């Protein structure tokens, strides 16, 4: 009886171990990035106002890089110098934590 119980425990243990293998554990599917690497200015403004932006980098050439909270980088061209910072000011609370950098 003890032998059968031991065999049963070993079989259950082996079954549990194989069902916990890395192949059996489904990893979460990454959310696809809905944005291409380069977007128009109006789309960039919408993204800024969405609250997804962690950092904004502006160059004197009017090139702007938005770095999202998930690490995605999005590039755009602002219509005038500092337009991106004006949009962040308009945005208020959702944009209050955005890190801003300029060259």
PDB file of N, CA and C in Angstrom:
ATOM      1  N   UNK A   1       0.823  -1.191   0.000  1.00  0.00           N
ATOM      2  CA  UNK A   1       0.000   0.000   0.000  1.00  0.00           C
ATOM      3  C   UNK A   1       0.868   1.255   0.000  1.00  0.00           C
ATOM      4  N   UNK A   2       1.909   1.235   0.848  1.00  0.00           N
ATOM      5  CA  UNK A   2       2.813   2.381   0.917  1.00  0.00           C
ATOM      6  C   UNK A   2       3.530   2.559  -0.415  1.00  0.00           C
ATOM      7  N   UNK A   3       3.899   1.431  -1.047  1.00  0.00           N
ATOM      8  CA  UNK A   3       4.587   1.509  -2.333  1.00  0.00           C
ATOM      9  C   UNK A   3       3.702   2.169  -3.383  1.00  0.00           C
ATOM     10  N   UNK A   4       2.425   1.822  -3.421  1.00  0.00           N
ATOM     11  CA  UNK A   4       1.497   2.397  -4.383  1.00  0.00           C
ATOM     12  C   UNK A   4       1.287   3.889  -4.112  1.00  0.00           C
ATOM     13  N   UNK A   5       1.231   4.230  -2.850  1.00  0.00           N
ATOM     14  CA  UNK A   5       1.068   5.626  -2.477  1.00  0.00           C
ATOM     15  C   UNK A   5       2.301   6.431  -2.896  1.00  0.00           C
ATOM     16  N   UNK A   6       3.477   5.874  -2.706  1.00  0.00           N
ATOM     17  CA  UNK A   6       4.723   6.527  -3.108  1.00  0.00           C
ATOM     18  C   UNK A   6       4.764   6.712  -4.625  1.00  0.00           C
ATOM     19  N   UNK A   7       4.373   5.671  -5.362  1.00  0.00           N
ATOM     20  CA  UNK A   7       4.351   5.762  -6.819  1.00  0.00           C
ATOM     21  C   UNK A   7       3.365   6.835  -7.279  1.00  0.00           C
ATOM     22  N   UNK A   8       2.215   6.889  -6.634  1.00  0.00           N
ATOM     23  CA  UNK A   8       1.213   7.890  -6.982  1.00  0.00           C
ATOM     24  C   UNK A   8       1.736   9.304  -6.724  1.00  0.00           C
ATOM     25  N   UNK A   9       2.383   9.504  -5.610  1.00  0.00           N
ATOM     26  CA  UNK A   9       2.946  10.817  -5.286  1.00  0.00           C
ATOM     27  C   UNK A   9       4.009  11.193  -6.304  1.00  0.00           C
ATOM     28  N   UNK A  10       4.875  10.255  -6.683  1.00  0.00           N
ATOM     29  CA  UNK A  10       5.918  10.529  -7.674  1.00  0.00           C
ATOM     30  C   UNK A  10       5.316  10.862  -9.037  1.00  0.00           C
ATOM     31  N   UNK A  11       4.290  10.141  -9.425  1.00  0.00           N
ATOM     32  CA  UNK A  11       3.632  10.413 -10.707  1.00  0.00           C
ATOM     33  C   UNK A  11       2.994  11.805 -10.689  1.00  0.00           C
ATOM     34  N   UNK A  12       2.305  12.120  -9.604  1.00  0.00           N
ATOM     35  CA  UNK A  12       1.689  13.446  -9.498  1.00  0.00           C
ATOM     36  C   UNK A  12       2.741  14.549  -9.491  1.00  0.00           C
ATOM     37  N   UNK A  13       3.850  14.310  -8.805  1.00  0.00           N
ATOM     38  CA  UNK A  13       4.934  15.287  -8.761  1.00  0.00           C
ATOM     39  C   UNK A  13       5.511  15.497 -10.160  1.00  0.00           C
ATOM     40  N   UNK A  14       5.753  14.400 -10.890  1.00  0.00           N
ATOM     41  CA  UNK A  14       6.299  14.502 -12.241  1.00  0.00           C
ATOM     42  C   UNK A  14       5.327  15.247 -13.156  1.00  0.00           C
ATOM     43  N   UNK A  15       4.057  14.953 -13.036  1.00  0.00           N
ATOM     44  CA  UNK A  15       3.046  15.642 -13.830  1.00  0.00           C
ATOM     45  C   UNK A  15       3.034  17.138 -13.512  1.00  0.00           C
ATOM     46  N   UNK A  16       3.099  17.473 -12.240  1.00  0.00           N
ATOM     47  CA  UNK A  16       3.096  18.884 -11.840  1.00  0.00           C
ATOM     48  C   UNK A  16       4.321  19.602 -12.375  1.00  0.00           C
ATOM     49  N   UNK A  17       5.459  18.954 -12.359  1.00  0.00           N
ATOM     50  CA  UNK A  17       6.693  19.578 -12.822  1.00  0.00           C
ATOM     51  C   UNK A  17       6.661  19.816 -14.334  1.00  0.00           C
ATOM     52  N   UNK A  18       6.101  18.874 -15.091  1.00  0.00           N
ATOM     53  CA  UNK A  18       6.054  19.066 -16.542  1.00  0.00           C
ATOM     54  C   UNK A  18       5.049  20.128 -16.922  1.00  0.00           C
ATOM     55  N   UNK A  19       4.000  20.279 -16.151  1.00  0.00           N
ATOM     56  CA  UNK A  19       3.013  21.311 -16.477  1.00  0.00           C
ATOM     57  C   UNK A  19       3.500  22.695 -16.071  1.00  0.00           C
ATOM     58  N   UNK A  20       4.558  22.762 -15.279  1.00  0.00           N
ATOM     59  CA  UNK A  20       5.126  24.045 -14.868  1.00  0.00           C
ATOM     60  C   UNK A  20       6.372  24.394 -15.658  1.00  0.00           C
ATOM     61  N   UNK A  21       6.646  23.656 -16.709  1.00  0.00           N
ATOM     62  CA  UNK A  21       7.840  23.938 -17.501  1.00  0.00           C
ATOM     63  C   UNK A  21       7.688  25.296 -18.192  1.00  0.00           C
ATOM     64  N   UNK A  22       8.786  25.931 -18.567  1.00  0.00           N
ATOM     65  CA  UNK A  22       8.711  27.236 -19.228  1.00  0.00           C
ATOM     66  C   UNK A  22       7.853  27.204 -20.489  1.00  0.00           C
ATOM     67  N   UNK A  23       7.854  26.065 -21.205  1.00  0.00           N
ATOM     68  CA  UNK A  23       7.038  25.981 -22.409  1.00  0.00           C
ATOM     69  C   UNK A  23       5.549  25.980 -22.075  1.00  0.00           C
ATOM     70  N   UNK A  24       5.199  25.473 -20.899  1.00  0.00           N
ATOM     71  CA  UNK A  24       3.794  25.377 -20.525  1.00  0.00           C
ATOM     72  C   UNK A  24       3.260  26.690 -19.977  1.00  0.00           C
ATOM     73  N   UNK A  25       4.144  27.536 -19.499  1.00  0.00           N
ATOM     74  CA  UNK A  25       3.711  28.818 -18.939  1.00  0.00           C
ATOM     75  C   UNK A  25       3.635  29.814 -20.074  1.00  0.00           C
ATOM     76  N   UNK A  26       2.470  30.301 -20.336  1.00  0.00           N
ATOM     77  CA  UNK A  26       2.285  31.247 -21.434  1.00  0.00           C
ATOM     78  C   UNK A  26       2.813  32.613 -21.022  1.00  0.00           C
ATOM     79  N   UNK A  27       3.712  33.136 -21.821  1.00  0.00           N
ATOM     80  CA  UNK A  27       4.199  34.487 -21.543  1.00  0.00           C
ATOM     81  C   UNK A  27       3.226  35.470 -22.171  1.00  0.00           C
ATOM     82  N   UNK A  28       3.051  36.626 -21.529  1.00  0.00           N
ATOM     83  CA  UNK A  28       2.113  37.584 -22.077  1.00  0.00           C
ATOM     84  C   UNK A  28       2.582  38.079 -23.444  1.00  0.00           C
ATOM     85  N   UNK A  29       1.651  38.197 -24.341  1.00  0.00           N
ATOM     86  CA  UNK A  29       1.961  38.693 -25.670  1.00  0.00           C
ATOM     87  C   UNK A  29       2.161  40.202 -25.582  1.00  0.00           C
ATOM     88  N   UNK A  30       3.285  40.707 -26.091  1.00  0.00           N
ATOM     89  CA  UNK A  30       3.493  42.145 -26.018  1.00  0.00           C
ATOM     90  C   UNK A  30       2.439  42.883 -26.832  1.00  0.00           C
ATOM     91  N   UNK A  31       2.023  44.014 -26.310  1.00  0.00           N
ATOM     92  CA  UNK A  31       1.048  44.837 -27.006  1.00  0.00           C
ATOM     93  C   UNK A  31       1.736  45.485 -28.198  1.00  0.00           C
ATOM     94  N   UNK A  32       1.181  45.306 -29.380  1.00  0.00           N
ATOM     95  CA  UNK A  32       1.829  45.916 -30.543  1.00  0.00           C
ATOM     96  C   UNK A  32       1.768  47.442 -30.458  1.00  0.00           C
ATOM     97  N   UNK A  33       2.817  48.071 -30.935  1.00  0.00           N
ATOM     98  CA  UNK A  33       2.887  49.528 -30.940  1.00  0.00           C
ATOM     99  C   UNK A  33       1.962  50.058 -32.038  1.00  0.00           C
ATOM    100  N   UNK A  34       0.955  50.867 -31.683  1.00  0.00           N
ATOM    101  CA  UNK A  34       0.026  51.359 -32.696  1.00  0.00           C
ATOM    102  C   UNK A  34       0.599  52.505 -33.515  1.00  0.00           C
ATOM    103  N   UNK A  35       1.771  53.014 -33.135  1.00  0.00           N
ATOM    104  CA  UNK A  35       2.345  54.174 -33.801  1.00  0.00           C
ATOM    105  C   UNK A  35       3.554  53.771 -34.636  1.00  0.00           C
ATOM    106  N   UNK A  36       3.655  54.349 -35.838  1.00  0.00           N
ATOM    107  CA  UNK A  36       4.890  54.141 -36.601  1.00  0.00           C
ATOM    108  C   UNK A  36       6.009  54.961 -35.965  1.00  0.00           C
ATOM    109  N   UNK A  37       7.217  54.817 -36.441  1.00  0.00           N
ATOM    110  CA  UNK A  37       8.349  55.543 -35.873  1.00  0.00           C
ATOM    111  C   UNK A  37       8.276  57.042 -36.095  1.00  0.00           C
ATOM    112  N   UNK A  38       7.598  57.468 -37.150  1.00  0.00           N
ATOM    113  CA  UNK A  38       7.480  58.896 -37.458  1.00  0.00           C
ATOM    114  C   UNK A  38       6.001  59.222 -37.685  1.00  0.00           C
ATOM    115  N   UNK A  39       5.528  60.263 -37.012  1.00  0.00           N
ATOM    116  CA  UNK A  39       4.124  60.668 -37.161  1.00  0.00           C
ATOM    117  C   UNK A  39       4.067  62.156 -37.491  1.00  0.00           C
ATOM    118  N   UNK A  40       2.927  62.574 -38.003  1.00  0.00           N
ATOM    119  CA  UNK A  40       2.701  63.993 -38.270  1.00  0.00           C
ATOM    120  C   UNK A  40       2.522  64.758 -36.961  1.00  0.00           C
ATOM    121  N   UNK A  41       2.614  66.073 -37.056  1.00  0.00           N
ATOM    122  CA  UNK A  41       2.534  66.914 -35.864  1.00  0.00           C
ATOM    123  C   UNK A  41       1.216  66.735 -35.112  1.00  0.00           C
ATOM    124  N   UNK A  42       0.093  66.720 -35.807  1.00  0.00           N
ATOM    125  CA  UNK A  42      -1.208  66.598 -35.136  1.00  0.00           C
ATOM    126  C   UNK A  42      -1.342  65.274 -34.383  1.00  0.00           C
ATOM    127  N   UNK A  43      -0.814  64.207 -34.952  1.00  0.00           N
ATOM    128  CA  UNK A  43      -0.833  62.915 -34.260  1.00  0.00           C
ATOM    129  C   UNK A  43       0.052  62.982 -33.022  1.00  0.00           C
ATOM    130  N   UNK A  44       1.211  63.637 -33.150  1.00  0.00           N
ATOM    131  CA  UNK A  44       2.115  63.786 -32.001  1.00  0.00           C
ATOM    132  C   UNK A  44       1.430  64.554 -30.872  1.00  0.00           C
ATOM    133  N   UNK A  45       0.686  65.587 -31.213  1.00  0.00           N
ATOM    134  CA  UNK A  45      -0.044  66.364 -30.197  1.00  0.00           C
ATOM    135  C   UNK A  45      -1.059  65.470 -29.493  1.00  0.00           C
ATOM    136  N   UNK A  46      -1.777  64.655 -30.258  1.00  0.00           N
ATOM    137  CA  UNK A  46      -2.740  63.721 -29.649  1.00  0.00           C
ATOM    138  C   UNK A  46      -2.043  62.755 -28.696  1.00  0.00           C
ATOM    139  N   UNK A  47      -0.878  62.265 -29.099  1.00  0.00           N
ATOM    140  CA  UNK A  47      -0.127  61.339 -28.242  1.00  0.00           C
ATOM    141  C   UNK A  47       0.316  62.048 -26.970  1.00  0.00           C
ATOM    142  N   UNK A  48       0.799  63.273 -27.093  1.00  0.00           N
ATOM    143  CA  UNK A  48       1.221  64.049 -25.915  1.00  0.00           C
ATOM    144  C   UNK A  48       0.056  64.200 -24.947  1.00  0.00           C
ATOM    145  N   UNK A  49      -1.094  64.571 -25.459  1.00  0.00           N
ATOM    146  CA  UNK A  49      -2.271  64.805 -24.613  1.00  0.00           C
ATOM    147  C   UNK A  49      -2.857  63.505 -24.041  1.00  0.00           C
ATOM    148  N   UNK A  50      -2.436  62.357 -24.563  1.00  0.00           N
ATOM    149  CA  UNK A  50      -2.969  61.072 -24.081  1.00  0.00           C
ATOM    150  C   UNK A  50      -2.407  60.667 -22.722  1.00  0.00           C
ATOM    151  N   UNK A  51      -1.313  61.307 -22.300  1.00  0.00           N
ATOM    152  CA  UNK A  51      -0.701  60.948 -21.022  1.00  0.00           C
ATOM    153  C   UNK A  51       0.269  59.780 -21.115  1.00  0.00           C
ATOM    154  N   UNK A  52       0.588  59.329 -22.338  1.00  0.00           N
ATOM    155  CA  UNK A  52       1.492  58.188 -22.529  1.00  0.00           C
ATOM    156  C   UNK A  52       2.959  58.583 -22.602  1.00  0.00           C
ATOM    157  N   UNK A  53       3.245  59.896 -22.669  1.00  0.00           N
ATOM    158  CA  UNK A  53       4.606  60.361 -22.913  1.00  0.00           C
ATOM    159  C   UNK A  53       5.371  60.514 -21.599  1.00  0.00           C
ATOM    160  N   UNK A  54       6.578  59.972 -21.584  1.00  0.00           N
ATOM    161  CA  UNK A  54       7.450  60.100 -20.421  1.00  0.00           C
ATOM    162  C   UNK A  54       8.469  61.224 -20.608  1.00  0.00           C
ATOM    163  N   UNK A  55       8.964  61.395 -21.857  1.00  0.00           N
ATOM    164  CA  UNK A  55      10.011  62.376 -22.109  1.00  0.00           C
ATOM    165  C   UNK A  55       9.865  62.947 -23.508  1.00  0.00           C
ATOM    166  N   UNK A  56      10.200  64.237 -23.645  1.00  0.00           N
ATOM    167  CA  UNK A  56      10.183  64.920 -24.934  1.00  0.00           C
ATOM    168  C   UNK A  56      11.554  65.537 -25.145  1.00  0.00           C
ATOM    169  N   UNK A  57      12.120  65.312 -26.340  1.00  0.00           N
ATOM    170  CA  UNK A  57      13.407  65.902 -26.689  1.00  0.00           C
ATOM    171  C   UNK A  57      13.209  66.740 -27.947  1.00  0.00           C
ATOM    172  N   UNK A  58      13.572  68.020 -27.864  1.00  0.00           N
ATOM    173  CA  UNK A  58      13.415  68.943 -28.986  1.00  0.00           C
ATOM    174  C   UNK A  58      14.793  69.378 -29.479  1.00  0.00           C
ATOM    175  N   UNK A  59      14.968  69.375 -30.794  1.00  0.00           N
ATOM    176  CA  UNK A  59      16.209  69.863 -31.393  1.00  0.00           C
ATOM    177  C   UNK A  59      15.949  71.191 -32.089  1.00  0.00           C
ATOM    178  N   UNK A  60      17.026  71.978 -32.287  1.00  0.00           N
ATOM    179  CA  UNK A  60      16.859  73.266 -32.969  1.00  0.00           C
ATOM    180  C   UNK A  60      16.378  73.105 -34.405  1.00  0.00           C
ATOM    181  N   UNK A  61      16.568  71.929 -34.958  1.00  0.00           N
ATOM    182  CA  UNK A  61      16.114  71.637 -36.321  1.00  0.00           C
ATOM    183  C   UNK A  61      14.604  71.408 -36.391  1.00  0.00           C
ATOM    184  N   UNK A  62      13.917  71.523 -35.258  1.00  0.00           N
ATOM    185  CA  UNK A  62      12.477  71.276 -35.101  1.00  0.00           C
ATOM    186  C   UNK A  62      12.126  69.783 -35.011  1.00  0.00           C
ATOM    187  N   UNK A  63      13.129  68.928 -35.030  1.00  0.00           N
ATOM    188  CA  UNK A  63      12.888  67.499 -34.800  1.00  0.00           C
ATOM    189  C   UNK A  63      12.519  67.296 -33.333  1.00  0.00           C
ATOM    190  N   UNK A  64      11.491  66.505 -33.114  1.00  0.00           N
ATOM    191  CA  UNK A  64      11.032  66.212 -31.753  1.00  0.00           C
ATOM    192  C   UNK A  64      10.941  64.695 -31.603  1.00  0.00           C
ATOM    193  N   UNK A  65      11.432  64.202 -30.478  1.00  0.00           N
ATOM    194  CA  UNK A  65      11.299  62.783 -30.152  1.00  0.00           C
ATOM    195  C   UNK A  65      10.428  62.667 -28.909  1.00  0.00           C
ATOM    196  N   UNK A  66       9.390  61.863 -29.017  1.00  0.00           N
ATOM    197  CA  UNK A  66       8.539  61.534 -27.872  1.00  0.00           C
ATOM    198  C   UNK A  66       8.949  60.144 -27.407  1.00  0.00           C
ATOM    199  N   UNK A  67       9.267  60.010 -26.143  1.00  0.00           N
ATOM    200  CA  UNK A  67       9.584  58.702 -25.584  1.00  0.00           C
ATOM    201  C   UNK A  67       8.421  58.323 -24.664  1.00  0.00           C
ATOM    202  N   UNK A  68       7.733  57.270 -25.049  1.00  0.00           N
ATOM    203  CA  UNK A  68       6.552  56.848 -24.303  1.00  0.00           C
ATOM    204  C   UNK A  68       6.951  56.082 -23.056  1.00  0.00           C
ATOM    205  N   UNK A  69       6.001  55.928 -22.151  1.00  0.00           N
ATOM    206  CA  UNK A  69       6.241  55.233 -20.890  1.00  0.00           C
ATOM    207  C   UNK A  69       6.620  53.771 -21.100  1.00  0.00           C
ATOM    208  N   UNK A  70       6.252  53.199 -22.247  1.00  0.00           N
ATOM    209  CA  UNK A  70       6.627  51.807 -22.534  1.00  0.00           C
ATOM    210  C   UNK A  70       7.960  51.708 -23.274  1.00  0.00           C
ATOM    211  N   UNK A  71       8.634  52.858 -23.480  1.00  0.00           N
ATOM    212  CA  UNK A  71       9.938  52.872 -24.132  1.00  0.00           C
ATOM    213  C   UNK A  71       9.900  53.142 -25.624  1.00  0.00           C
ATOM    214  N   UNK A  72       8.726  53.169 -26.212  1.00  0.00           N
ATOM    215  CA  UNK A  72       8.587  53.440 -27.640  1.00  0.00           C
ATOM    216  C   UNK A  72       9.050  54.862 -27.950  1.00  0.00           C
ATOM    217  N   UNK A  73       9.799  55.022 -29.041  1.00  0.00           N
ATOM    218  CA  UNK A  73      10.221  56.345 -29.496  1.00  0.00           C
ATOM    219  C   UNK A  73       9.427  56.719 -30.742  1.00  0.00           C
ATOM    220  N   UNK A  74       8.904  57.930 -30.728  1.00  0.00           N
ATOM    221  CA  UNK A  74       8.138  58.446 -31.857  1.00  0.00           C
ATOM    222  C   UNK A  74       8.756  59.776 -32.256  1.00  0.00           C
ATOM    223  N   UNK A  75       8.946  59.958 -33.548  1.00  0.00           N
ATOM    224  CA  UNK A  75       9.570  61.179 -34.053  1.00  0.00           C
ATOM    225  C   UNK A  75       8.551  61.997 -34.833  1.00  0.00           C
ATOM    226  N   UNK A  76       8.705  63.317 -34.743  1.00  0.00           N
ATOM    227  CA  UNK A  76       7.860  64.239 -35.480  1.00  0.00           C
ATOM    228  C   UNK A  76       8.645  65.521 -35.740  1.00  0.00           C
ATOM    229  N   UNK A  77       8.047  66.407 -36.499  1.00  0.00           N
ATOM    230  CA  UNK A  77       8.616  67.731 -36.759  1.00  0.00           C
ATOM    231  C   UNK A  77       7.612  68.747 -36.236  1.00  0.00           C
ATOM    232  N   UNK A  78       8.065  69.599 -35.317  1.00  0.00           N
ATOM    233  CA  UNK A  78       7.155  70.625 -34.798  1.00  0.00           C
ATOM    234  C   UNK A  78       7.103  71.802 -35.779  1.00  0.00           C
ATOM    235  N   UNK A  79       5.970  72.497 -35.843  1.00  0.00           N
ATOM    236  CA  UNK A  79       5.825  73.585 -36.819  1.00  0.00           C
ATOM    237  C   UNK A  79       6.709  74.798 -36.504  1.00  0.00           C
ATOM    238  N   UNK A  80       6.927  75.070 -35.221  1.00  0.00           N
ATOM    239  CA  UNK A  80       7.776  76.188 -34.802  1.00  0.00           C
ATOM    240  C   UNK A  80       8.551  75.761 -33.560  1.00  0.00           C
ATOM    241  N   UNK A  81       9.646  76.436 -33.301  1.00  0.00           N
ATOM    242  CA  UNK A  81      10.442  76.093 -32.131  1.00  0.00           C
ATOM    243  C   UNK A  81       9.608  76.259 -30.856  1.00  0.00           C
ATOM    244  N   UNK A  82       9.725  75.350 -29.963  1.00  0.00           N
ATOM    245  CA  UNK A  82       9.029  75.308 -28.676  1.00  0.00           C
ATOM    246  C   UNK A  82       7.536  74.993 -28.768  1.00  0.00           C
ATOM    247  N   UNK A  83       7.049  74.635 -29.948  1.00  0.00           N
ATOM    248  CA  UNK A  83       5.630  74.275 -30.071  1.00  0.00           C
ATOM    249  C   UNK A  83       5.310  73.064 -29.194  1.00  0.00           C
ATOM    250  N   UNK A  84       6.248  72.138 -29.075  1.00  0.00           N
ATOM    251  CA  UNK A  84       6.016  70.945 -28.254  1.00  0.00           C
ATOM    252  C   UNK A  84       5.845  71.337 -26.788  1.00  0.00           C
ATOM    253  N   UNK A  85       6.632  72.307 -26.323  1.00  0.00           N
ATOM    254  CA  UNK A  85       6.520  72.726 -24.928  1.00  0.00           C
ATOM    255  C   UNK A  85       5.213  73.476 -24.680  1.00  0.00           C
ATOM    256  N   UNK A  86       4.735  74.202 -25.681  1.00  0.00           N
ATOM    257  CA  UNK A  86       3.441  74.881 -25.557  1.00  0.00           C
ATOM    258  C   UNK A  86       2.321  73.850 -25.446  1.00  0.00           C
ATOM    259  N   UNK A  87       2.422  72.768 -26.207  1.00  0.00           N
ATOM    260  CA  UNK A  87       1.406  71.711 -26.130  1.00  0.00           C
ATOM    261  C   UNK A  87       1.429  71.019 -24.768  1.00  0.00           C
ATOM    262  N   UNK A  88       2.613  70.826 -24.226  1.00  0.00           N
ATOM    263  CA  UNK A  88       2.716  70.213 -22.888  1.00  0.00           C
ATOM    264  C   UNK A  88       2.076  71.134 -21.851  1.00  0.00           C
ATOM    265  N   UNK A  89       2.293  72.439 -21.975  1.00  0.00           N
ATOM    266  CA  UNK A  89       1.658  73.396 -21.056  1.00  0.00           C
ATOM    267  C   UNK A  89       0.135  73.355 -21.173  1.00  0.00           C
ATOM    268  N   UNK A  90      -0.381  73.259 -22.392  1.00  0.00           N
ATOM    269  CA  UNK A  90      -1.832  73.189 -22.603  1.00  0.00           C
ATOM    270  C   UNK A  90      -2.425  71.917 -22.003  1.00  0.00           C
ATOM    271  N   UNK A  91      -1.662  70.868 -22.047  1.00  0.00           N
ATOM    272  CA  UNK A  91      -2.120  69.553 -21.616  1.00  0.00           C
ATOM    273  C   UNK A  91      -2.409  69.496 -20.118  1.00  0.00           C
ATOM    274  N   UNK A  92      -1.648  70.220 -19.336  1.00  0.00           N
ATOM    275  CA  UNK A  92      -1.832  70.312 -17.890  1.00  0.00           C
ATOM    276  C   UNK A  92      -1.559  68.986 -17.181  1.00  0.00           C
ATOM    277  N   UNK A  93      -2.496  68.511 -16.386  1.00  0.00           N
ATOM    278  CA  UNK A  93      -2.275  67.375 -15.490  1.00  0.00           C
ATOM    279  C   UNK A  93      -1.749  66.101 -16.164  1.00  0.00           C
ATOM    280  N   UNK A  94      -2.318  65.623 -17.278  1.00  0.00           N
ATOM    281  CA  UNK A  94      -1.776  64.386 -17.869  1.00  0.00           C
ATOM    282  C   UNK A  94      -0.309  64.515 -18.291  1.00  0.00           C
ATOM    283  N   UNK A  95       0.158  65.739 -18.475  1.00  0.00           N
ATOM    284  CA  UNK A  95       1.524  65.967 -18.954  1.00  0.00           C
ATOM    285  C   UNK A  95       2.444  66.531 -17.875  1.00  0.00           C
ATOM    286  N   UNK A  96       1.969  66.609 -16.662  1.00  0.00           N
ATOM    287  CA  UNK A  96       2.718  67.290 -15.602  1.00  0.00           C
ATOM    288  C   UNK A  96       4.034  66.606 -15.240  1.00  0.00           C
ATOM    289  N   UNK A  97       4.181  65.323 -15.560  1.00  0.00           N
ATOM    290  CA  UNK A  97       5.392  64.586 -15.203  1.00  0.00           C
ATOM    291  C   UNK A  97       6.333  64.383 -16.394  1.00  0.00           C
ATOM    292  N   UNK A  98       6.020  64.958 -17.551  1.00  0.00           N
ATOM    293  CA  UNK A  98       6.865  64.767 -18.734  1.00  0.00           C
ATOM    294  C   UNK A  98       8.210  65.443 -18.518  1.00  0.00           C
ATOM    295  N   UNK A  99       9.274  64.712 -18.777  1.00  0.00           N
ATOM    296  CA  UNK A  99      10.634  65.264 -18.744  1.00  0.00           C
ATOM    297  C   UNK A  99      10.864  65.956 -20.074  1.00  0.00           C
ATOM    298  N   UNK A 100      11.329  67.192 -20.035  1.00  0.00           N
ATOM    299  CA  UNK A 100      11.542  67.974 -21.252  1.00  0.00           C
ATOM    300  C   UNK A 100      13.026  68.274 -21.421  1.00  0.00           C
ATOM    301  N   UNK A 101      13.526  68.066 -22.643  1.00  0.00           N
ATOM    302  CA  UNK A 101      14.931  68.348 -22.940  1.00  0.00           C
ATOM    303  C   UNK A 101      15.014  69.065 -24.280  1.00  0.00           C
ATOM    304  N   UNK A 102      15.976  69.964 -24.402  1.00  0.00           N
ATOM    305  CA  UNK A 102      16.216  70.657 -25.650  1.00  0.00           C
ATOM    306  C   UNK A 102      17.711  70.812 -25.826  1.00  0.00           C
ATOM    307  N   UNK A 103      18.137  70.943 -27.099  1.00  0.00           N
ATOM    308  CA  UNK A 103      19.575  71.105 -27.321  1.00  0.00           C
ATOM    309  C   UNK A 103      19.941  72.564 -27.285  1.00  0.00           C
TER     310      UNK A 103
END
